[in-house]
Amino acid sequence: MRIKPSINWLFAFIPVTLALEHGEVPAPLVFFSAALAIVPIASLIVRATEQIATRTGDAVGGLLNATFGNAPELIIAFVALKAGLLDMVRASLIGAILANILLALGVAFLLGGLRYRDQDYNPAAARVYSSMMLIAVVSLAVPSAFSRFFAPEETIRQETLLNVGLAVVLLIAYALYLVFMLKTHPGAFAAKGGHGEGEAEGAHWSLPRAVGSLVGASLLAAWMSEILVGAAEGTGQALGMTQVFIGIVFVAIVGGAAESLSAIAMGRKNRVDMTIGIALGSSIQIALFIAPVLVLASYFIAPQPLELSFGRAEVGALMMAVLIGAVVCGDGRSNWYKGVQLITVYLIIALMFYFVPDIAHSG
């Protein structure tokens, strides 16, 4: 596969990471080696998605990118579930949504705005994405409030039924969302922004090559991300980070590197509709598909069922992120300062979680 020469050499970090993982080396070395290995893999995902999007449109291309980009999160979550690390799974879900809405979208707006001044995109699609994210916030806040007020010490039967019922409802809502996007109202997601150099860059790939590249790169991203997350805890401890910060900020950023870099690359190429589709579409998929799938799967592979019960800090941060994201994205035009606004909010939330003690996580 033809990757930009400036990052092609980073593929060498794949075997280096494998060697470090099986050697007696400090966790930070494994972590940063895996992080470097993910960069060219994410670039390949960007290129393959671009090729598919020329045939399907930006909405479907963004959906495909979000789906394959979320593969590492899903695989990591399954591994963590099997190991009984339920708090880490819950933290990574919240953190991935925050990283997509605020950090990835903010950096994409910033870098794209520095190149193109103002960038237009479809405001109707952005409003649909935002309304779905508000539904996602409600779906996570309801079981959290139920647990806090009615079952603070132990899980009761009603709470278990609520979690299973919500998981089923969310999966149905996500399926209907896909029908709305792909079947009944595809025009609502049509690209309105300009298309920059991304479309004309390089030769067109055949569809089998593009799909094969996307699948292969996603599997590599999942592999490297699993190694990276395995070293994240030790790296966080070496750098003085709490478990809350590791799960919500540290693991979420590196686990979602593929789709984040894809969204940023599309923003720089003036394909903001696809940036919105990747960043917000990925967040919707995490909340309405991945989270309920993990709840249902936990009954079969985890030592105990996963509950969608989050602390006040997580629910509050998610609510702030979704509301601010809806306000910033609602008018259909982005610029570099909107990117600064989103990044600023993310840094504020990250600082909060950095100083939140572990004991407050369940509050």
Protein backbone atom coordinates (compact mmCIF):
# COMPACT_ATOMS: atom_id res chain seq x y z
CA MET A 1 0.00 0.00 0.00
CA ARG A 2 1.27 3.43 -0.89
CA ILE A 3 1.58 5.55 2.25
CA LYS A 4 3.14 8.97 2.48
CA PRO A 5 6.94 8.55 2.67
CA SER A 6 7.17 10.86 5.68
CA ILE A 7 5.40 8.34 7.89
CA ASN A 8 6.07 5.10 6.01
CA TRP A 9 9.06 4.29 8.21
CA LEU A 10 6.84 4.26 11.32
CA PHE A 11 5.58 0.82 10.26
CA ALA A 12 8.89 -0.43 11.65
CA PHE A 13 7.47 0.16 15.13
CA ILE A 14 5.05 -2.76 14.68
CA PRO A 15 7.76 -5.45 15.05
CA VAL A 16 9.58 -3.23 17.55
CA THR A 17 6.43 -3.09 19.70
CA LEU A 18 6.02 -6.86 19.52
CA ALA A 19 9.63 -7.34 20.59
CA LEU A 20 9.32 -4.87 23.46
CA GLU A 21 6.07 -6.44 24.64
CA HIS A 22 7.80 -9.78 25.17
CA GLY A 23 10.91 -8.25 26.70
CA GLU A 24 11.61 -7.01 30.20
CA VAL A 25 11.29 -3.30 29.44
CA PRO A 26 9.46 -0.47 31.23
CA ALA A 27 5.80 -0.01 30.32
CA PRO A 28 6.28 3.53 28.91
CA LEU A 29 8.59 2.16 26.17
CA VAL A 30 5.97 -0.35 25.07
CA PHE A 31 3.26 2.29 25.24
CA PHE A 32 4.99 4.91 23.11
CA SER A 33 6.25 2.33 20.62
CA ALA A 34 2.70 1.07 20.09
CA ALA A 35 1.45 4.66 19.80
CA LEU A 36 3.95 5.36 17.01
CA ALA A 37 2.96 2.12 15.28
CA ILE A 38 -0.69 3.23 15.20
CA VAL A 39 0.09 6.47 13.31
CA PRO A 40 0.80 4.93 9.85
CA ILE A 41 -1.98 2.37 10.38
CA ALA A 42 -4.43 5.22 10.99
CA SER A 43 -3.11 6.93 7.86
CA LEU A 44 -3.92 3.79 5.86
CA ILE A 45 -7.44 3.79 7.32
CA VAL A 46 -7.80 7.43 6.20
CA ARG A 47 -6.70 6.62 2.65
CA ALA A 48 -8.89 3.52 2.33
CA THR A 49 -11.91 5.37 3.70
CA GLU A 50 -11.34 8.21 1.23
CA GLN A 51 -11.37 5.74 -1.62
CA ILE A 52 -14.61 4.14 -0.44
CA ALA A 53 -16.20 7.54 0.21
CA THR A 54 -15.71 8.54 -3.44
CA ARG A 55 -18.21 5.76 -4.25
CA THR A 56 -20.58 5.98 -1.29
CA GLY A 57 -20.57 9.64 -0.25
CA ASP A 58 -19.22 11.27 2.89
CA ALA A 59 -22.00 10.11 5.22
CA VAL A 60 -21.47 6.41 4.50
CA GLY A 61 -17.71 6.93 4.35
CA GLY A 62 -17.77 8.54 7.79
CA LEU A 63 -19.94 5.70 9.11
CA LEU A 64 -17.49 3.10 7.77
CA ASN A 65 -14.54 4.97 9.22
CA ALA A 66 -16.24 5.27 12.61
CA THR A 67 -17.09 1.57 12.57
CA PHE A 68 -13.61 0.35 11.69
CA GLY A 69 -12.01 3.01 13.87
CA ASN A 70 -14.04 1.77 16.85
CA ALA A 71 -12.82 -1.80 16.37
CA PRO A 72 -9.87 -1.26 18.75
CA GLU A 73 -12.18 0.11 21.47
CA LEU A 74 -14.54 -2.84 21.11
CA ILE A 75 -11.75 -5.42 21.21
CA ILE A 76 -10.05 -3.71 24.14
CA ALA A 77 -13.38 -3.55 26.00
CA PHE A 78 -14.03 -7.27 25.45
CA VAL A 79 -10.56 -8.10 26.79
CA ALA A 80 -11.13 -5.85 29.80
CA LEU A 81 -14.59 -7.36 30.40
CA LYS A 82 -13.18 -10.86 30.40
CA ALA A 83 -10.56 -9.74 32.93
CA GLY A 84 -13.26 -8.19 35.12
CA LEU A 85 -11.99 -4.61 34.70
CA LEU A 86 -15.49 -3.13 34.63
CA ASP A 87 -14.46 0.32 35.88
CA MET A 88 -11.89 0.57 33.09
CA VAL A 89 -14.53 -0.36 30.51
CA ARG A 90 -16.96 2.29 31.76
CA ALA A 91 -14.23 4.93 31.91
CA SER A 92 -13.02 4.16 28.40
CA LEU A 93 -16.56 4.53 27.01
CA ILE A 94 -16.97 8.02 28.46
CA GLY A 95 -13.42 9.00 27.54
CA ALA A 96 -13.78 7.87 23.92
CA ILE A 97 -16.91 10.00 23.47
CA LEU A 98 -15.23 13.05 25.03
CA ALA A 99 -12.12 12.58 22.86
CA ASN A 100 -14.19 12.37 19.67
CA ILE A 101 -16.56 15.28 20.32
CA LEU A 102 -14.08 17.72 21.84
CA LEU A 103 -10.50 16.78 21.02
CA ALA A 104 -10.65 15.19 17.56
CA LEU A 105 -13.31 17.58 16.26
CA GLY A 106 -11.53 20.54 17.86
CA VAL A 107 -8.16 19.73 16.29
CA ALA A 108 -9.85 19.11 12.92
CA PHE A 109 -11.61 22.50 13.06
CA LEU A 110 -8.39 24.21 14.17
CA LEU A 111 -6.11 22.77 11.49
CA GLY A 112 -8.74 23.01 8.77
CA GLY A 113 -9.56 26.60 9.73
CA LEU A 114 -5.92 27.61 9.56
CA ARG A 115 -5.79 26.39 5.95
CA TYR A 116 -9.22 27.41 4.63
CA ARG A 117 -10.39 30.20 6.99
CA ASP A 118 -14.10 29.17 6.93
CA GLN A 119 -15.35 25.68 6.16
CA ASP A 120 -18.97 24.84 5.39
CA TYR A 121 -20.75 21.58 6.11
CA ASN A 122 -24.31 20.25 6.32
CA PRO A 123 -25.93 21.74 9.46
CA ALA A 124 -28.93 19.38 9.25
CA ALA A 125 -26.66 16.35 9.60
CA ALA A 126 -24.82 17.96 12.51
CA ARG A 127 -28.13 18.57 14.28
CA VAL A 128 -29.16 14.94 13.81
CA TYR A 129 -25.84 13.79 15.24
CA SER A 130 -26.23 16.19 18.18
CA SER A 131 -29.77 15.02 18.98
CA MET A 132 -28.61 11.40 18.95
CA MET A 133 -25.80 12.31 21.35
CA LEU A 134 -28.31 13.94 23.73
CA ILE A 135 -30.26 10.67 23.68
CA ALA A 136 -27.01 8.90 24.48
CA VAL A 137 -26.43 11.15 27.50
CA VAL A 138 -29.91 10.36 28.81
CA SER A 139 -29.32 6.64 28.29
CA LEU A 140 -26.18 6.78 30.43
CA ALA A 141 -27.53 9.21 33.04
CA VAL A 142 -30.71 7.26 33.82
CA PRO A 143 -29.05 4.03 35.07
CA SER A 144 -26.41 6.09 36.87
CA ALA A 145 -29.06 8.04 38.78
CA PHE A 146 -31.04 4.86 39.48
CA SER A 147 -27.96 3.17 40.94
CA ARG A 148 -27.01 6.20 43.02
CA PHE A 149 -30.44 6.68 44.61
CA PHE A 150 -31.89 3.17 44.84
CA ALA A 151 -28.91 0.77 44.89
CA PRO A 152 -25.80 2.63 46.09
CA GLU A 153 -24.27 -0.36 47.90
CA GLU A 154 -25.26 -3.38 45.81
CA THR A 155 -26.94 -4.29 42.56
CA ILE A 156 -30.66 -5.04 42.90
CA ARG A 157 -32.85 -6.98 40.49
CA GLN A 158 -34.60 -3.86 39.18
CA GLU A 159 -31.26 -2.28 38.29
CA THR A 160 -30.22 -5.37 36.34
CA LEU A 161 -33.49 -5.36 34.41
CA LEU A 162 -33.12 -1.63 33.73
CA ASN A 163 -29.63 -2.11 32.26
CA VAL A 164 -30.71 -4.98 30.03
CA GLY A 165 -33.84 -3.12 28.91
CA LEU A 166 -31.85 0.01 28.10
CA ALA A 167 -29.32 -2.03 26.14
CA VAL A 168 -32.07 -3.49 23.96
CA VAL A 169 -33.75 -0.09 23.46
CA LEU A 170 -30.45 1.54 22.47
CA LEU A 171 -29.64 -1.18 19.94
CA ILE A 172 -33.07 -0.73 18.35
CA ALA A 173 -32.58 3.06 18.29
CA TYR A 174 -29.18 2.64 16.63
CA ALA A 175 -30.59 0.27 14.00
CA LEU A 176 -33.36 2.76 13.18
CA TYR A 177 -30.75 5.55 13.04
CA LEU A 178 -28.90 3.58 10.35
CA VAL A 179 -32.14 3.09 8.41
CA PHE A 180 -32.77 6.85 8.64
CA MET A 181 -29.23 7.69 7.48
CA LEU A 182 -28.82 5.12 4.72
CA LYS A 183 -32.33 4.37 3.49
CA THR A 184 -35.10 6.90 4.13
CA HIS A 185 -33.25 10.25 4.48
CA PRO A 186 -29.76 9.96 2.95
CA GLY A 187 -30.14 13.48 1.54
CA ALA A 188 -30.12 14.90 5.06
CA PHE A 189 -26.49 13.79 5.34
CA ALA A 190 -25.34 14.96 1.90
CA ALA A 191 -22.06 16.85 1.94
CA LYS A 192 -22.39 20.63 1.66
CA GLY A 193 -18.80 21.66 2.35
CA GLY A 194 -16.00 21.98 -0.15
CA HIS A 195 -13.83 19.09 -1.16
CA GLY A 196 -10.13 19.76 -1.04
CA GLU A 197 -7.12 17.96 -2.27
CA GLY A 198 -8.16 14.65 -0.75
CA GLU A 199 -10.32 13.62 -3.73
CA ALA A 200 -7.71 14.20 -6.38
CA GLU A 201 -4.80 12.83 -4.44
CA GLY A 202 -3.24 9.74 -6.04
CA ALA A 203 -4.79 7.04 -8.23
CA HIS A 204 -8.17 5.53 -7.51
CA TRP A 205 -8.13 2.11 -5.88
CA SER A 206 -10.40 -0.73 -6.84
CA LEU A 207 -13.21 -1.39 -4.36
CA PRO A 208 -11.77 -4.76 -3.21
CA ARG A 209 -8.40 -3.12 -2.56
CA ALA A 210 -9.97 -0.27 -0.59
CA VAL A 211 -12.16 -2.59 1.49
CA GLY A 212 -9.30 -5.05 2.05
CA SER A 213 -6.99 -2.23 3.12
CA LEU A 214 -9.60 -0.87 5.53
CA VAL A 215 -10.22 -4.27 7.12
CA GLY A 216 -6.52 -5.11 7.36
CA ALA A 217 -5.57 -1.73 8.79
CA SER A 218 -8.39 -1.94 11.34
CA LEU A 219 -7.17 -5.35 12.51
CA LEU A 220 -3.63 -4.00 12.85
CA ALA A 221 -4.95 -0.96 14.74
CA ALA A 222 -6.87 -3.23 17.10
CA TRP A 223 -3.77 -5.38 17.68
CA MET A 224 -1.50 -2.44 18.43
CA SER A 225 -4.15 -0.73 20.53
CA GLU A 226 -4.56 -3.82 22.69
CA ILE A 227 -0.82 -3.86 23.37
CA LEU A 228 -0.84 -0.12 24.00
CA VAL A 229 -3.67 -0.30 26.51
CA GLY A 230 -1.99 -3.22 28.23
CA ALA A 231 0.95 -0.92 28.92
CA ALA A 232 -1.19 2.15 29.67
CA GLU A 233 -1.73 1.36 33.34
CA GLY A 234 1.96 0.95 34.05
CA THR A 235 2.75 4.06 32.02
CA GLY A 236 0.17 6.08 33.90
CA GLN A 237 1.56 4.95 37.23
CA ALA A 238 5.07 5.86 36.13
CA LEU A 239 3.83 9.34 35.21
CA GLY A 240 1.78 9.77 38.40
CA MET A 241 -1.70 9.43 36.87
CA THR A 242 -4.77 8.12 38.71
CA GLN A 243 -6.90 5.24 37.46
CA VAL A 244 -9.69 7.70 36.60
CA PHE A 245 -7.40 9.75 34.38
CA ILE A 246 -5.88 6.66 32.76
CA GLY A 247 -9.26 5.27 31.75
CA ILE A 248 -11.10 8.43 30.73
CA VAL A 249 -8.28 10.41 29.13
CA PHE A 250 -5.17 8.32 28.58
CA VAL A 251 -6.63 5.05 27.28
CA ALA A 252 -9.44 6.76 25.38
CA ILE A 253 -7.13 8.95 23.31
CA VAL A 254 -4.76 6.19 22.29
CA GLY A 255 -7.48 3.59 21.82
CA GLY A 256 -9.37 5.90 19.45
CA ALA A 257 -6.31 7.18 17.61
CA ALA A 258 -7.39 5.70 14.26
CA GLU A 259 -10.72 7.51 13.88
CA SER A 260 -9.40 10.67 15.56
CA LEU A 261 -6.54 10.98 13.07
CA SER A 262 -8.96 10.21 10.24
CA ALA A 263 -11.30 13.01 11.34
CA ILE A 264 -8.40 15.44 11.65
CA ALA A 265 -7.03 14.51 8.23
CA MET A 266 -10.42 15.07 6.60
CA GLY A 267 -10.71 18.47 8.25
CA ARG A 268 -7.34 19.51 6.86
CA LYS A 269 -8.51 18.43 3.39
CA ASN A 270 -11.65 20.59 3.63
CA ARG A 271 -13.96 17.58 3.91
CA VAL A 272 -15.67 18.73 7.09
CA ASP A 273 -18.85 16.74 6.46
CA MET A 274 -16.78 13.60 6.70
CA THR A 275 -14.99 14.96 9.78
CA ILE A 276 -18.38 15.47 11.47
CA GLY A 277 -19.52 12.04 10.34
CA ILE A 278 -16.43 10.34 11.77
CA ALA A 279 -16.18 12.20 15.08
CA LEU A 280 -19.85 12.44 16.02
CA GLY A 281 -20.80 9.20 14.27
CA SER A 282 -18.14 7.37 16.26
CA SER A 283 -19.47 8.82 19.51
CA ILE A 284 -23.02 7.79 18.63
CA GLN A 285 -21.84 4.30 17.79
CA ILE A 286 -19.98 4.00 21.11
CA ALA A 287 -23.00 5.10 23.17
CA LEU A 288 -25.82 3.43 21.25
CA PHE A 289 -24.13 0.29 19.93
CA ILE A 290 -20.87 -0.59 21.66
CA ALA A 291 -22.06 0.19 25.21
CA PRO A 292 -25.25 -1.94 25.01
CA VAL A 293 -23.38 -4.76 23.24
CA LEU A 294 -20.87 -4.80 26.10
CA VAL A 295 -23.70 -4.87 28.66
CA LEU A 296 -25.27 -7.91 27.01
CA ALA A 297 -21.92 -9.62 26.37
CA SER A 298 -20.87 -9.19 30.00
CA TYR A 299 -23.47 -11.77 31.02
CA PHE A 300 -21.52 -14.37 29.03
CA ILE A 301 -17.83 -13.42 29.27
CA ALA A 302 -17.37 -11.25 32.39
CA PRO A 303 -17.14 -12.37 36.03
CA GLN A 304 -20.10 -10.10 36.75
CA PRO A 305 -22.53 -8.08 34.57
CA LEU A 306 -21.53 -4.65 33.34
CA GLU A 307 -23.80 -1.85 34.55
CA LEU A 308 -24.09 1.51 32.83
CA SER A 309 -23.60 3.26 36.16
CA PHE A 310 -21.26 6.25 36.05
CA GLY A 311 -20.16 8.78 38.65
CA ARG A 312 -21.37 12.37 38.76
CA ALA A 313 -18.13 13.63 37.23
CA GLU A 314 -18.41 11.34 34.18
CA VAL A 315 -22.08 12.11 33.52
CA GLY A 316 -21.54 15.85 34.06
CA ALA A 317 -18.53 15.93 31.75
CA LEU A 318 -20.42 14.04 29.06
CA MET A 319 -23.41 16.38 29.31
CA MET A 320 -21.17 19.46 29.02
CA ALA A 321 -19.34 18.01 26.03
CA VAL A 322 -22.51 17.13 24.12
CA LEU A 323 -24.19 20.48 24.79
CA ILE A 324 -21.12 22.50 23.81
CA GLY A 325 -20.54 20.31 20.77
CA ALA A 326 -24.16 20.87 19.66
CA VAL A 327 -23.85 24.65 20.06
CA VAL A 328 -20.51 24.87 18.24
CA CYS A 329 -21.49 22.57 15.36
CA GLY A 330 -25.09 23.67 14.86
CA ASP A 331 -24.63 26.49 12.33
CA GLY A 332 -22.91 24.50 9.55
CA ARG A 333 -19.71 26.55 9.47
CA SER A 334 -16.40 25.93 11.22
CA ASN A 335 -13.27 28.00 11.73
CA TRP A 336 -10.05 27.71 13.68
CA TYR A 337 -11.42 29.43 16.78
CA LYS A 338 -14.26 26.95 17.11
CA GLY A 339 -11.54 24.33 17.25
CA VAL A 340 -9.85 26.25 20.03
CA GLN A 341 -13.13 26.37 21.96
CA LEU A 342 -13.63 22.59 21.78
CA ILE A 343 -10.01 21.84 22.69
CA THR A 344 -10.22 24.24 25.64
CA VAL A 345 -13.26 22.44 27.05
CA TYR A 346 -11.49 19.10 26.63
CA LEU A 347 -8.41 20.35 28.48
CA ILE A 348 -10.60 21.69 31.31
CA ILE A 349 -12.31 18.31 31.67
CA ALA A 350 -8.99 16.47 31.44
CA LEU A 351 -7.53 18.64 34.19
CA MET A 352 -10.54 17.89 36.35
CA PHE A 353 -10.09 14.14 35.96
CA TYR A 354 -6.35 14.45 36.53
CA PHE A 355 -6.99 15.85 40.00
CA VAL A 356 -10.05 13.74 40.85
CA PRO A 357 -8.93 11.14 43.41
CA ASP A 358 -9.75 7.48 42.73
CA ILE A 359 -12.09 7.36 45.71
CA ALA A 360 -14.36 9.94 44.04
CA HIS A 361 -14.91 7.82 40.95
CA SER A 362 -17.97 6.14 42.32
CA GLY A 363 -19.49 9.33 43.75
